[in-house]
Amino acid sequence: LYFSAQEGILIFYHIKDLQYEIKICADISQPISSLMFSPDYTSLLLVTDQGTVYSYRPAHSGEAVKLLDASSSCFLAADFLTPGNNYCVSVTISGEVQVWSLEDGTYLSKINLGTEVQET
């Protein structure tokens, strides 16, 4: 079970029978608004309130890697672009949809929807 604390800490609970173990996986020092696993469960996207997206790979037990910082563009949400887990897609409040490489955070393309997007 993965969850995030208010302070921007990604925590893993390993639960087996009536026993559990707690592990702090990453500290990004920004409140995390959402967590999304890739379709094959090898990567986890951490999206912050400020519009920064991090990637965390549980099997590698490393730090979270900053992929993109959309804080200046009224960032709303991000998710994996399927099939596969090589790309993510983000959307801004102004309706701009952007595609990013998860390998190195490279910005690949965008399209403007021509309408404002609201969180539901």
PDB file of N, CA and C in Angstrom:
ATOM      1  N   LEU A   1       0.854  -1.173   0.000  1.00  0.00           N
ATOM      2  CA  LEU A   1       0.000   0.000   0.000  1.00  0.00           C
ATOM      3  C   LEU A   1       0.893   1.227   0.000  1.00  0.00           C
ATOM      4  N   TYR A   2       0.747   2.095  -1.021  1.00  0.00           N
ATOM      5  CA  TYR A   2       1.471   3.356  -1.086  1.00  0.00           C
ATOM      6  C   TYR A   2       0.520   4.492  -0.740  1.00  0.00           C
ATOM      7  N   PHE A   3       1.004   5.454   0.006  1.00  0.00           N
ATOM      8  CA  PHE A   3       0.231   6.667   0.249  1.00  0.00           C
ATOM      9  C   PHE A   3       1.180   7.813   0.516  1.00  0.00           C
ATOM     10  N   SER A   4       0.637   9.025   0.483  1.00  0.00           N
ATOM     11  CA  SER A   4       1.483  10.199   0.708  1.00  0.00           C
ATOM     12  C   SER A   4       0.978  10.975   1.910  1.00  0.00           C
ATOM     13  N   ALA A   5       1.930  11.554   2.600  1.00  0.00           N
ATOM     14  CA  ALA A   5       1.616  12.409   3.739  1.00  0.00           C
ATOM     15  C   ALA A   5       1.551  13.856   3.271  1.00  0.00           C
ATOM     16  N   GLN A   6       0.954  14.710   4.064  1.00  0.00           N
ATOM     17  CA  GLN A   6       0.789  16.128   3.733  1.00  0.00           C
ATOM     18  C   GLN A   6       2.106  16.809   3.382  1.00  0.00           C
ATOM     19  N   GLU A   7       3.178  16.378   3.993  1.00  0.00           N
ATOM     20  CA  GLU A   7       4.471  17.037   3.822  1.00  0.00           C
ATOM     21  C   GLU A   7       5.178  16.634   2.532  1.00  0.00           C
ATOM     22  N   GLY A   8       4.577  15.783   1.704  1.00  0.00           N
ATOM     23  CA  GLY A   8       5.216  15.366   0.459  1.00  0.00           C
ATOM     24  C   GLY A   8       6.061  14.121   0.594  1.00  0.00           C
ATOM     25  N   ILE A   9       5.725  13.277   1.548  1.00  0.00           N
ATOM     26  CA  ILE A   9       6.473  12.044   1.775  1.00  0.00           C
ATOM     27  C   ILE A   9       5.680  10.867   1.219  1.00  0.00           C
ATOM     28  N   LEU A  10       6.329  10.064   0.380  1.00  0.00           N
ATOM     29  CA  LEU A  10       5.725   8.843  -0.156  1.00  0.00           C
ATOM     30  C   LEU A  10       6.061   7.703   0.794  1.00  0.00           C
ATOM     31  N   ILE A  11       5.026   7.026   1.285  1.00  0.00           N
ATOM     32  CA  ILE A  11       5.194   5.977   2.289  1.00  0.00           C
ATOM     33  C   ILE A  11       4.637   4.661   1.746  1.00  0.00           C
ATOM     34  N   PHE A  12       5.320   3.576   2.051  1.00  0.00           N
ATOM     35  CA  PHE A  12       4.902   2.238   1.644  1.00  0.00           C
ATOM     36  C   PHE A  12       4.614   1.416   2.895  1.00  0.00           C
ATOM     37  N   TYR A  13       3.430   0.806   2.942  1.00  0.00           N
ATOM     38  CA  TYR A  13       3.069  -0.134   3.998  1.00  0.00           C
ATOM     39  C   TYR A  13       3.099  -1.531   3.402  1.00  0.00           C
ATOM     40  N   HIS A  14       3.973  -2.390   3.902  1.00  0.00           N
ATOM     41  CA  HIS A  14       3.986  -3.793   3.492  1.00  0.00           C
ATOM     42  C   HIS A  14       3.187  -4.552   4.549  1.00  0.00           C
ATOM     43  N   ILE A  15       2.029  -5.083   4.137  1.00  0.00           N
ATOM     44  CA  ILE A  15       1.118  -5.741   5.070  1.00  0.00           C
ATOM     45  C   ILE A  15       1.095  -7.233   4.769  1.00  0.00           C
ATOM     46  N   LYS A  16       1.333  -8.034   5.805  1.00  0.00           N
ATOM     47  CA  LYS A  16       1.264  -9.486   5.667  1.00  0.00           C
ATOM     48  C   LYS A  16       0.637 -10.045   6.936  1.00  0.00           C
ATOM     49  N   ASP A  17      -0.496 -10.706   6.763  1.00  0.00           N
ATOM     50  CA  ASP A  17      -1.274 -11.230   7.883  1.00  0.00           C
ATOM     51  C   ASP A  17      -1.587 -10.086   8.842  1.00  0.00           C
ATOM     52  N   LEU A  18      -1.195 -10.199  10.089  1.00  0.00           N
ATOM     53  CA  LEU A  18      -1.457  -9.139  11.073  1.00  0.00           C
ATOM     54  C   LEU A  18      -0.235  -8.261  11.317  1.00  0.00           C
ATOM     55  N   GLN A  19       0.817  -8.454  10.534  1.00  0.00           N
ATOM     56  CA  GLN A  19       2.036  -7.681  10.677  1.00  0.00           C
ATOM     57  C   GLN A  19       2.152  -6.655   9.551  1.00  0.00           C
ATOM     58  N   TYR A  20       2.823  -5.557   9.833  1.00  0.00           N
ATOM     59  CA  TYR A  20       3.081  -4.567   8.789  1.00  0.00           C
ATOM     60  C   TYR A  20       4.434  -3.908   9.018  1.00  0.00           C
ATOM     61  N   GLU A  21       4.980  -3.425   7.921  1.00  0.00           N
ATOM     62  CA  GLU A  21       6.254  -2.717   7.948  1.00  0.00           C
ATOM     63  C   GLU A  21       6.062  -1.400   7.207  1.00  0.00           C
ATOM     64  N   ILE A  22       6.602  -0.320   7.753  1.00  0.00           N
ATOM     65  CA  ILE A  22       6.487   0.997   7.143  1.00  0.00           C
ATOM     66  C   ILE A  22       7.846   1.400   6.576  1.00  0.00           C
ATOM     67  N   LYS A  23       7.822   1.925   5.338  1.00  0.00           N
ATOM     68  CA  LYS A  23       9.055   2.388   4.707  1.00  0.00           C
ATOM     69  C   LYS A  23       8.801   3.747   4.062  1.00  0.00           C
ATOM     70  N   ILE A  24       9.662   4.714   4.337  1.00  0.00           N
ATOM     71  CA  ILE A  24       9.595   6.001   3.647  1.00  0.00           C
ATOM     72  C   ILE A  24      10.360   5.847   2.348  1.00  0.00           C
ATOM     73  N   CYS A  25       9.671   6.049   1.231  1.00  0.00           N
ATOM     74  CA  CYS A  25      10.265   5.827  -0.088  1.00  0.00           C
ATOM     75  C   CYS A  25      10.893   7.080  -0.673  1.00  0.00           C
ATOM     76  N   ALA A  26      10.220   8.216  -0.519  1.00  0.00           N
ATOM     77  CA  ALA A  26      10.714   9.457  -1.115  1.00  0.00           C
ATOM     78  C   ALA A  26      10.156  10.646  -0.343  1.00  0.00           C
ATOM     79  N   ASP A  27      10.922  11.710  -0.323  1.00  0.00           N
ATOM     80  CA  ASP A  27      10.493  12.972   0.284  1.00  0.00           C
ATOM     81  C   ASP A  27      10.703  14.063  -0.748  1.00  0.00           C
ATOM     82  N   ILE A  28       9.610  14.562  -1.323  1.00  0.00           N
ATOM     83  CA  ILE A  28       9.729  15.587  -2.361  1.00  0.00           C
ATOM     84  C   ILE A  28       9.429  16.984  -1.834  1.00  0.00           C
ATOM     85  N   SER A  29       9.093  17.087  -0.559  1.00  0.00           N
ATOM     86  CA  SER A  29       8.913  18.373   0.125  1.00  0.00           C
ATOM     87  C   SER A  29       7.837  19.260  -0.487  1.00  0.00           C
ATOM     88  N   GLN A  30       6.882  18.666  -1.187  1.00  0.00           N
ATOM     89  CA  GLN A  30       5.713  19.384  -1.713  1.00  0.00           C
ATOM     90  C   GLN A  30       4.501  18.493  -1.487  1.00  0.00           C
ATOM     91  N   PRO A  31       3.361  19.052  -1.097  1.00  0.00           N
ATOM     92  CA  PRO A  31       2.171  18.219  -0.916  1.00  0.00           C
ATOM     93  C   PRO A  31       1.824  17.458  -2.203  1.00  0.00           C
ATOM     94  N   ILE A  32       1.621  16.154  -2.079  1.00  0.00           N
ATOM     95  CA  ILE A  32       1.285  15.301  -3.218  1.00  0.00           C
ATOM     96  C   ILE A  32      -0.226  15.253  -3.363  1.00  0.00           C
ATOM     97  N   SER A  33      -0.723  15.613  -4.562  1.00  0.00           N
ATOM     98  CA  SER A  33      -2.163  15.626  -4.776  1.00  0.00           C
ATOM     99  C   SER A  33      -2.696  14.316  -5.328  1.00  0.00           C
ATOM    100  N   SER A  34      -1.854  13.560  -6.055  1.00  0.00           N
ATOM    101  CA  SER A  34      -2.315  12.265  -6.558  1.00  0.00           C
ATOM    102  C   SER A  34      -1.149  11.333  -6.875  1.00  0.00           C
ATOM    103  N   LEU A  35      -1.460  10.038  -6.837  1.00  0.00           N
ATOM    104  CA  LEU A  35      -0.518   8.969  -7.155  1.00  0.00           C
ATOM    105  C   LEU A  35      -1.169   8.096  -8.219  1.00  0.00           C
ATOM    106  N   MET A  36      -0.414   7.729  -9.261  1.00  0.00           N
ATOM    107  CA  MET A  36      -0.943   6.855 -10.306  1.00  0.00           C
ATOM    108  C   MET A  36       0.109   5.842 -10.703  1.00  0.00           C
ATOM    109  N   PHE A  37      -0.273   4.558 -10.695  1.00  0.00           N
ATOM    110  CA  PHE A  37       0.631   3.516 -11.171  1.00  0.00           C
ATOM    111  C   PHE A  37       0.550   3.403 -12.676  1.00  0.00           C
ATOM    112  N   SER A  38       1.678   3.037 -13.291  1.00  0.00           N
ATOM    113  CA  SER A  38       1.692   2.736 -14.722  1.00  0.00           C
ATOM    114  C   SER A  38       0.888   1.464 -14.949  1.00  0.00           C
ATOM    115  N   PRO A  39       0.460   1.227 -16.188  1.00  0.00           N
ATOM    116  CA  PRO A  39      -0.350   0.029 -16.469  1.00  0.00           C
ATOM    117  C   PRO A  39       0.340  -1.281 -16.061  1.00  0.00           C
ATOM    118  N   ASP A  40       1.672  -1.340 -16.104  1.00  0.00           N
ATOM    119  CA  ASP A  40       2.367  -2.569 -15.712  1.00  0.00           C
ATOM    120  C   ASP A  40       2.880  -2.512 -14.264  1.00  0.00           C
ATOM    121  N   TYR A  41       2.509  -1.487 -13.521  1.00  0.00           N
ATOM    122  CA  TYR A  41       2.843  -1.314 -12.109  1.00  0.00           C
ATOM    123  C   TYR A  41       4.341  -1.217 -11.823  1.00  0.00           C
ATOM    124  N   THR A  42       5.123  -0.766 -12.798  1.00  0.00           N
ATOM    125  CA  THR A  42       6.557  -0.614 -12.568  1.00  0.00           C
ATOM    126  C   THR A  42       6.941   0.810 -12.172  1.00  0.00           C
ATOM    127  N   SER A  43       6.084   1.777 -12.462  1.00  0.00           N
ATOM    128  CA  SER A  43       6.352   3.182 -12.141  1.00  0.00           C
ATOM    129  C   SER A  43       5.153   3.804 -11.457  1.00  0.00           C
ATOM    130  N   LEU A  44       5.437   4.783 -10.651  1.00  0.00           N
ATOM    131  CA  LEU A  44       4.406   5.519  -9.937  1.00  0.00           C
ATOM    132  C   LEU A  44       4.608   6.994 -10.216  1.00  0.00           C
ATOM    133  N   LEU A  45       3.563   7.675 -10.698  1.00  0.00           N
ATOM    134  CA  LEU A  45       3.630   9.126 -10.886  1.00  0.00           C
ATOM    135  C   LEU A  45       3.173   9.794  -9.608  1.00  0.00           C
ATOM    136  N   LEU A  46       3.926  10.777  -9.152  1.00  0.00           N
ATOM    137  CA  LEU A  46       3.569  11.592  -8.003  1.00  0.00           C
ATOM    138  C   LEU A  46       3.296  12.991  -8.530  1.00  0.00           C
ATOM    139  N   VAL A  47       2.087  13.469  -8.358  1.00  0.00           N
ATOM    140  CA  VAL A  47       1.705  14.786  -8.844  1.00  0.00           C
ATOM    141  C   VAL A  47       1.494  15.693  -7.643  1.00  0.00           C
ATOM    142  N   THR A  48       2.148  16.865  -7.662  1.00  0.00           N
ATOM    143  CA  THR A  48       2.055  17.782  -6.524  1.00  0.00           C
ATOM    144  C   THR A  48       1.011  18.871  -6.777  1.00  0.00           C
ATOM    145  N   ASP A  49       0.624  19.530  -5.704  1.00  0.00           N
ATOM    146  CA  ASP A  49      -0.315  20.653  -5.795  1.00  0.00           C
ATOM    147  C   ASP A  49       0.257  21.795  -6.628  1.00  0.00           C
ATOM    148  N   GLN A  50       1.576  21.929  -6.654  1.00  0.00           N
ATOM    149  CA  GLN A  50       2.229  23.019  -7.372  1.00  0.00           C
ATOM    150  C   GLN A  50       2.423  22.732  -8.859  1.00  0.00           C
ATOM    151  N   GLY A  51       2.109  21.514  -9.309  1.00  0.00           N
ATOM    152  CA  GLY A  51       2.235  21.201 -10.723  1.00  0.00           C
ATOM    153  C   GLY A  51       3.519  20.524 -11.118  1.00  0.00           C
ATOM    154  N   THR A  52       4.201  19.921 -10.163  1.00  0.00           N
ATOM    155  CA  THR A  52       5.411  19.178 -10.461  1.00  0.00           C
ATOM    156  C   THR A  52       5.064  17.695 -10.510  1.00  0.00           C
ATOM    157  N   VAL A  53       5.645  16.974 -11.480  1.00  0.00           N
ATOM    158  CA  VAL A  53       5.398  15.540 -11.618  1.00  0.00           C
ATOM    159  C   VAL A  53       6.714  14.796 -11.403  1.00  0.00           C
ATOM    160  N   TYR A  54       6.677  13.803 -10.535  1.00  0.00           N
ATOM    161  CA  TYR A  54       7.829  12.961 -10.234  1.00  0.00           C
ATOM    162  C   TYR A  54       7.509  11.531 -10.625  1.00  0.00           C
ATOM    163  N   SER A  55       8.548  10.771 -10.936  1.00  0.00           N
ATOM    164  CA  SER A  55       8.421   9.347 -11.207  1.00  0.00           C
ATOM    165  C   SER A  55       9.158   8.588 -10.116  1.00  0.00           C
ATOM    166  N   TYR A  56       8.536   7.526  -9.623  1.00  0.00           N
ATOM    167  CA  TYR A  56       9.165   6.670  -8.621  1.00  0.00           C
ATOM    168  C   TYR A  56       9.022   5.226  -9.088  1.00  0.00           C
ATOM    169  N   ARG A  57      10.122   4.492  -9.082  1.00  0.00           N
ATOM    170  CA  ARG A  57      10.116   3.083  -9.503  1.00  0.00           C
ATOM    171  C   ARG A  57      10.333   2.211  -8.269  1.00  0.00           C
ATOM    172  N   PRO A  58       9.261   1.583  -7.768  1.00  0.00           N
ATOM    173  CA  PRO A  58       9.366   0.787  -6.534  1.00  0.00           C
ATOM    174  C   PRO A  58      10.436  -0.296  -6.579  1.00  0.00           C
ATOM    175  N   ALA A  59      10.642  -0.953  -7.703  1.00  0.00           N
ATOM    176  CA  ALA A  59      11.626  -2.031  -7.792  1.00  0.00           C
ATOM    177  C   ALA A  59      13.055  -1.521  -7.641  1.00  0.00           C
ATOM    178  N   HIS A  60      13.285  -0.251  -7.952  1.00  0.00           N
ATOM    179  CA  HIS A  60      14.630   0.315  -7.868  1.00  0.00           C
ATOM    180  C   HIS A  60      14.910   0.967  -6.519  1.00  0.00           C
ATOM    181  N   SER A  61      13.867   1.197  -5.729  1.00  0.00           N
ATOM    182  CA  SER A  61      13.985   1.776  -4.386  1.00  0.00           C
ATOM    183  C   SER A  61      14.852   3.026  -4.332  1.00  0.00           C
ATOM    184  N   GLY A  62      14.852   3.792  -5.389  1.00  0.00           N
ATOM    185  CA  GLY A  62      15.618   5.030  -5.416  1.00  0.00           C
ATOM    186  C   GLY A  62      14.757   6.217  -5.048  1.00  0.00           C
ATOM    187  N   GLU A  63      15.284   7.381  -5.266  1.00  0.00           N
ATOM    188  CA  GLU A  63      14.537   8.603  -5.021  1.00  0.00           C
ATOM    189  C   GLU A  63      13.557   8.867  -6.156  1.00  0.00           C
ATOM    190  N   ALA A  64      12.587   9.692  -5.885  1.00  0.00           N
ATOM    191  CA  ALA A  64      11.664  10.136  -6.927  1.00  0.00           C
ATOM    192  C   ALA A  64      12.418  11.091  -7.849  1.00  0.00           C
ATOM    193  N   VAL A  65      12.204  10.945  -9.148  1.00  0.00           N
ATOM    194  CA  VAL A  65      12.887  11.753 -10.148  1.00  0.00           C
ATOM    195  C   VAL A  65      11.910  12.780 -10.705  1.00  0.00           C
ATOM    196  N   LYS A  66      12.304  14.062 -10.675  1.00  0.00           N
ATOM    197  CA  LYS A  66      11.440  15.108 -11.213  1.00  0.00           C
ATOM    198  C   LYS A  66      11.385  14.987 -12.730  1.00  0.00           C
ATOM    199  N   LEU A  67      10.158  14.863 -13.267  1.00  0.00           N
ATOM    200  CA  LEU A  67       9.972  14.745 -14.708  1.00  0.00           C
ATOM    201  C   LEU A  67       9.642  16.078 -15.336  1.00  0.00           C
ATOM    202  N   LEU A  68       8.732  16.803 -14.710  1.00  0.00           N
ATOM    203  CA  LEU A  68       8.349  18.085 -15.274  1.00  0.00           C
ATOM    204  C   LEU A  68       7.854  19.004 -14.185  1.00  0.00           C
ATOM    205  N   ASP A  69       7.973  20.280 -14.472  1.00  0.00           N
ATOM    206  CA  ASP A  69       7.514  21.304 -13.541  1.00  0.00           C
ATOM    207  C   ASP A  69       6.620  22.245 -14.321  1.00  0.00           C
ATOM    208  N   ALA A  70       5.332  22.067 -14.157  1.00  0.00           N
ATOM    209  CA  ALA A  70       4.368  22.879 -14.895  1.00  0.00           C
ATOM    210  C   ALA A  70       3.734  23.936 -13.995  1.00  0.00           C
ATOM    211  N   SER A  71       4.435  24.335 -12.958  1.00  0.00           N
ATOM    212  CA  SER A  71       3.863  25.250 -11.976  1.00  0.00           C
ATOM    213  C   SER A  71       3.499  26.606 -12.564  1.00  0.00           C
ATOM    214  N   SER A  72       4.122  26.988 -13.647  1.00  0.00           N
ATOM    215  CA  SER A  72       3.830  28.296 -14.226  1.00  0.00           C
ATOM    216  C   SER A  72       2.667  28.260 -15.209  1.00  0.00           C
ATOM    217  N   SER A  73       2.120  27.074 -15.484  1.00  0.00           N
ATOM    218  CA  SER A  73       1.083  26.984 -16.511  1.00  0.00           C
ATOM    219  C   SER A  73      -0.263  26.499 -15.975  1.00  0.00           C
ATOM    220  N   CYS A  74      -0.555  26.703 -14.706  1.00  0.00           N
ATOM    221  CA  CYS A  74      -1.836  26.318 -14.105  1.00  0.00           C
ATOM    222  C   CYS A  74      -2.141  24.844 -14.342  1.00  0.00           C
ATOM    223  N   PHE A  75      -1.190  24.011 -14.029  1.00  0.00           N
ATOM    224  CA  PHE A  75      -1.255  22.565 -14.161  1.00  0.00           C
ATOM    225  C   PHE A  75      -2.445  22.007 -13.395  1.00  0.00           C
ATOM    226  N   LEU A  76      -3.156  21.056 -13.970  1.00  0.00           N
ATOM    227  CA  LEU A  76      -4.320  20.466 -13.308  1.00  0.00           C
ATOM    228  C   LEU A  76      -4.120  18.994 -12.978  1.00  0.00           C
ATOM    229  N   ALA A  77      -3.656  18.180 -13.939  1.00  0.00           N
ATOM    230  CA  ALA A  77      -3.538  16.744 -13.688  1.00  0.00           C
ATOM    231  C   ALA A  77      -2.559  16.104 -14.669  1.00  0.00           C
ATOM    232  N   ALA A  78      -2.134  14.868 -14.328  1.00  0.00           N
ATOM    233  CA  ALA A  78      -1.260  14.081 -15.206  1.00  0.00           C
ATOM    234  C   ALA A  78      -1.602  12.613 -15.032  1.00  0.00           C
ATOM    235  N   ASP A  79      -1.301  11.828 -16.060  1.00  0.00           N
ATOM    236  CA  ASP A  79      -1.508  10.385 -15.992  1.00  0.00           C
ATOM    237  C   ASP A  79      -0.639   9.719 -17.048  1.00  0.00           C
ATOM    238  N   PHE A  80      -0.514   8.402 -16.972  1.00  0.00           N
ATOM    239  CA  PHE A  80       0.241   7.655 -17.972  1.00  0.00           C
ATOM    240  C   PHE A  80      -0.531   7.626 -19.277  1.00  0.00           C
ATOM    241  N   LEU A  81       0.193   7.676 -20.376  1.00  0.00           N
ATOM    242  CA  LEU A  81      -0.389   7.562 -21.702  1.00  0.00           C
ATOM    243  C   LEU A  81      -0.197   6.112 -22.127  1.00  0.00           C
ATOM    244  N   THR A  82      -1.293   5.388 -22.268  1.00  0.00           N
ATOM    245  CA  THR A  82      -1.212   3.959 -22.572  1.00  0.00           C
ATOM    246  C   THR A  82      -1.477   3.710 -24.043  1.00  0.00           C
ATOM    247  N   PRO A  83      -1.029   2.594 -24.622  1.00  0.00           N
ATOM    248  CA  PRO A  83      -0.426   1.456 -23.937  1.00  0.00           C
ATOM    249  C   PRO A  83       1.026   1.744 -23.582  1.00  0.00           C
ATOM    250  N   GLY A  84       1.545   0.941 -22.681  1.00  0.00           N
ATOM    251  CA  GLY A  84       2.922   1.106 -22.239  1.00  0.00           C
ATOM    252  C   GLY A  84       3.039   2.083 -21.092  1.00  0.00           C
ATOM    253  N   ASN A  85       4.269   2.376 -20.719  1.00  0.00           N
ATOM    254  CA  ASN A  85       4.501   3.329 -19.629  1.00  0.00           C
ATOM    255  C   ASN A  85       5.700   4.215 -19.930  1.00  0.00           C
ATOM    256  N   ASN A  86       5.835   4.613 -21.208  1.00  0.00           N
ATOM    257  CA  ASN A  86       6.954   5.463 -21.611  1.00  0.00           C
ATOM    258  C   ASN A  86       6.606   6.939 -21.645  1.00  0.00           C
ATOM    259  N   TYR A  87       5.325   7.262 -21.605  1.00  0.00           N
ATOM    260  CA  TYR A  87       4.890   8.653 -21.752  1.00  0.00           C
ATOM    261  C   TYR A  87       3.819   8.985 -20.729  1.00  0.00           C
ATOM    262  N   CYS A  88       3.752  10.267 -20.412  1.00  0.00           N
ATOM    263  CA  CYS A  88       2.633  10.729 -19.596  1.00  0.00           C
ATOM    264  C   CYS A  88       1.993  11.915 -20.307  1.00  0.00           C
ATOM    265  N   VAL A  89       0.770  12.170 -19.936  1.00  0.00           N
ATOM    266  CA  VAL A  89       0.014  13.277 -20.508  1.00  0.00           C
ATOM    267  C   VAL A  89      -0.422  14.176 -19.355  1.00  0.00           C
ATOM    268  N   SER A  90      -0.352  15.476 -19.572  1.00  0.00           N
ATOM    269  CA  SER A  90      -0.790  16.427 -18.553  1.00  0.00           C
ATOM    270  C   SER A  90      -1.762  17.396 -19.194  1.00  0.00           C
ATOM    271  N   VAL A  91      -2.533  18.064 -18.342  1.00  0.00           N
ATOM    272  CA  VAL A  91      -3.488  19.053 -18.832  1.00  0.00           C
ATOM    273  C   VAL A  91      -3.433  20.270 -17.911  1.00  0.00           C
ATOM    274  N   THR A  92      -3.549  21.444 -18.520  1.00  0.00           N
ATOM    275  CA  THR A  92      -3.574  22.688 -17.756  1.00  0.00           C
ATOM    276  C   THR A  92      -5.008  23.188 -17.674  1.00  0.00           C
ATOM    277  N   ILE A  93      -5.258  24.089 -16.774  1.00  0.00           N
ATOM    278  CA  ILE A  93      -6.595  24.661 -16.613  1.00  0.00           C
ATOM    279  C   ILE A  93      -7.045  25.356 -17.893  1.00  0.00           C
ATOM    280  N   SER A  94      -6.101  25.924 -18.646  1.00  0.00           N
ATOM    281  CA  SER A  94      -6.446  26.629 -19.886  1.00  0.00           C
ATOM    282  C   SER A  94      -6.813  25.680 -21.026  1.00  0.00           C
ATOM    283  N   GLY A  95      -6.646  24.351 -20.817  1.00  0.00           N
ATOM    284  CA  GLY A  95      -7.033  23.379 -21.829  1.00  0.00           C
ATOM    285  C   GLY A  95      -5.906  22.890 -22.709  1.00  0.00           C
ATOM    286  N   GLU A  96      -4.668  23.113 -22.299  1.00  0.00           N
ATOM    287  CA  GLU A  96      -3.535  22.625 -23.077  1.00  0.00           C
ATOM    288  C   GLU A  96      -3.172  21.221 -22.605  1.00  0.00           C
ATOM    289  N   VAL A  97      -3.209  20.263 -23.536  1.00  0.00           N
ATOM    290  CA  VAL A  97      -2.837  18.876 -23.252  1.00  0.00           C
ATOM    291  C   VAL A  97      -1.414  18.681 -23.756  1.00  0.00           C
ATOM    292  N   GLN A  98      -0.541  18.145 -22.895  1.00  0.00           N
ATOM    293  CA  GLN A  98       0.877  18.010 -23.216  1.00  0.00           C
ATOM    294  C   GLN A  98       1.311  16.555 -23.047  1.00  0.00           C
ATOM    295  N   VAL A  99       2.221  16.104 -23.892  1.00  0.00           N
ATOM    296  CA  VAL A  99       2.770  14.757 -23.799  1.00  0.00           C
ATOM    297  C   VAL A  99       4.252  14.866 -23.437  1.00  0.00           C
ATOM    298  N   TRP A 100       4.698  14.034 -22.466  1.00  0.00           N
ATOM    299  CA  TRP A 100       6.047  14.075 -21.934  1.00  0.00           C
ATOM    300  C   TRP A 100       6.651  12.680 -21.955  1.00  0.00           C
ATOM    301  N   SER A 101       7.952  12.601 -22.133  1.00  0.00           N
ATOM    302  CA  SER A 101       8.678  11.342 -22.023  1.00  0.00           C
ATOM    303  C   SER A 101       8.937  11.066 -20.551  1.00  0.00           C
ATOM    304  N   LEU A 102       8.636   9.864 -20.102  1.00  0.00           N
ATOM    305  CA  LEU A 102       8.914   9.501 -18.713  1.00  0.00           C
ATOM    306  C   LEU A 102      10.374   9.129 -18.502  1.00  0.00           C
ATOM    307  N   GLU A 103      11.082   8.896 -19.570  1.00  0.00           N
ATOM    308  CA  GLU A 103      12.490   8.537 -19.469  1.00  0.00           C
ATOM    309  C   GLU A 103      13.332   9.696 -18.941  1.00  0.00           C
ATOM    310  N   ASP A 104      13.103  10.890 -19.506  1.00  0.00           N
ATOM    311  CA  ASP A 104      13.930  12.033 -19.125  1.00  0.00           C
ATOM    312  C   ASP A 104      13.152  13.337 -18.949  1.00  0.00           C
ATOM    313  N   GLY A 105      11.817  13.277 -19.013  1.00  0.00           N
ATOM    314  CA  GLY A 105      11.010  14.473 -18.825  1.00  0.00           C
ATOM    315  C   GLY A 105      10.949  15.384 -20.033  1.00  0.00           C
ATOM    316  N   THR A 106      11.362  14.889 -21.207  1.00  0.00           N
ATOM    317  CA  THR A 106      11.360  15.695 -22.424  1.00  0.00           C
ATOM    318  C   THR A 106       9.926  15.983 -22.862  1.00  0.00           C
ATOM    319  N   TYR A 107       9.673  17.252 -23.155  1.00  0.00           N
ATOM    320  CA  TYR A 107       8.386  17.689 -23.675  1.00  0.00           C
ATOM    321  C   TYR A 107       8.301  17.262 -25.144  1.00  0.00           C
ATOM    322  N   LEU A 108       7.246  16.537 -25.536  1.00  0.00           N
ATOM    323  CA  LEU A 108       7.152  15.987 -26.884  1.00  0.00           C
ATOM    324  C   LEU A 108       6.141  16.698 -27.774  1.00  0.00           C
ATOM    325  N   SER A 109       4.951  16.981 -27.257  1.00  0.00           N
ATOM    326  CA  SER A 109       3.944  17.643 -28.083  1.00  0.00           C
ATOM    327  C   SER A 109       2.846  18.230 -27.214  1.00  0.00           C
ATOM    328  N   LYS A 110       2.003  19.038 -27.854  1.00  0.00           N
ATOM    329  CA  LYS A 110       0.865  19.625 -27.147  1.00  0.00           C
ATOM    330  C   LYS A 110      -0.260  19.901 -28.131  1.00  0.00           C
ATOM    331  N   ILE A 111      -1.437  20.015 -27.577  1.00  0.00           N
ATOM    332  CA  ILE A 111      -2.616  20.424 -28.343  1.00  0.00           C
ATOM    333  C   ILE A 111      -3.471  21.256 -27.408  1.00  0.00           C
ATOM    334  N   ASN A 112      -4.063  22.310 -27.938  1.00  0.00           N
ATOM    335  CA  ASN A 112      -4.926  23.155 -27.129  1.00  0.00           C
ATOM    336  C   ASN A 112      -6.373  22.796 -27.436  1.00  0.00           C
ATOM    337  N   LEU A 113      -7.125  22.484 -26.383  1.00  0.00           N
ATOM    338  CA  LEU A 113      -8.533  22.093 -26.531  1.00  0.00           C
ATOM    339  C   LEU A 113      -9.444  23.265 -26.822  1.00  0.00           C
ATOM    340  N   GLY A 114      -8.955  24.461 -26.608  1.00  0.00           N
ATOM    341  CA  GLY A 114      -9.751  25.655 -26.885  1.00  0.00           C
ATOM    342  C   GLY A 114     -10.837  25.917 -25.852  1.00  0.00           C
ATOM    343  N   THR A 115     -10.731  25.304 -24.699  1.00  0.00           N
ATOM    344  CA  THR A 115     -11.702  25.524 -23.627  1.00  0.00           C
ATOM    345  C   THR A 115     -11.026  25.281 -22.279  1.00  0.00           C
ATOM    346  N   GLU A 116     -11.527  25.907 -21.251  1.00  0.00           N
ATOM    347  CA  GLU A 116     -10.974  25.706 -19.932  1.00  0.00           C
ATOM    348  C   GLU A 116     -11.367  24.333 -19.406  1.00  0.00           C
ATOM    349  N   VAL A 117     -10.473  23.752 -18.609  1.00  0.00           N
ATOM    350  CA  VAL A 117     -10.700  22.430 -18.028  1.00  0.00           C
ATOM    351  C   VAL A 117     -10.907  22.612 -16.539  1.00  0.00           C
ATOM    352  N   GLN A 118     -11.887  21.898 -15.983  1.00  0.00           N
ATOM    353  CA  GLN A 118     -12.154  21.990 -14.552  1.00  0.00           C
ATOM    354  C   GLN A 118     -11.947  20.632 -13.908  1.00  0.00           C
ATOM    355  N   GLU A 119     -11.449  20.647 -12.684  1.00  0.00           N
ATOM    356  CA  GLU A 119     -11.254  19.423 -11.935  1.00  0.00           C
ATOM    357  C   GLU A 119     -12.601  18.948 -11.408  1.00  0.00           C
ATOM    358  N   THR A 120     -12.832  17.639 -11.523  1.00  0.00           N
ATOM    359  CA  THR A 120     -14.097  17.092 -11.000  1.00  0.00           C
ATOM    360  C   THR A 120     -13.838  16.061  -9.949  1.00  0.00           C
TER     361      THR A 120
END
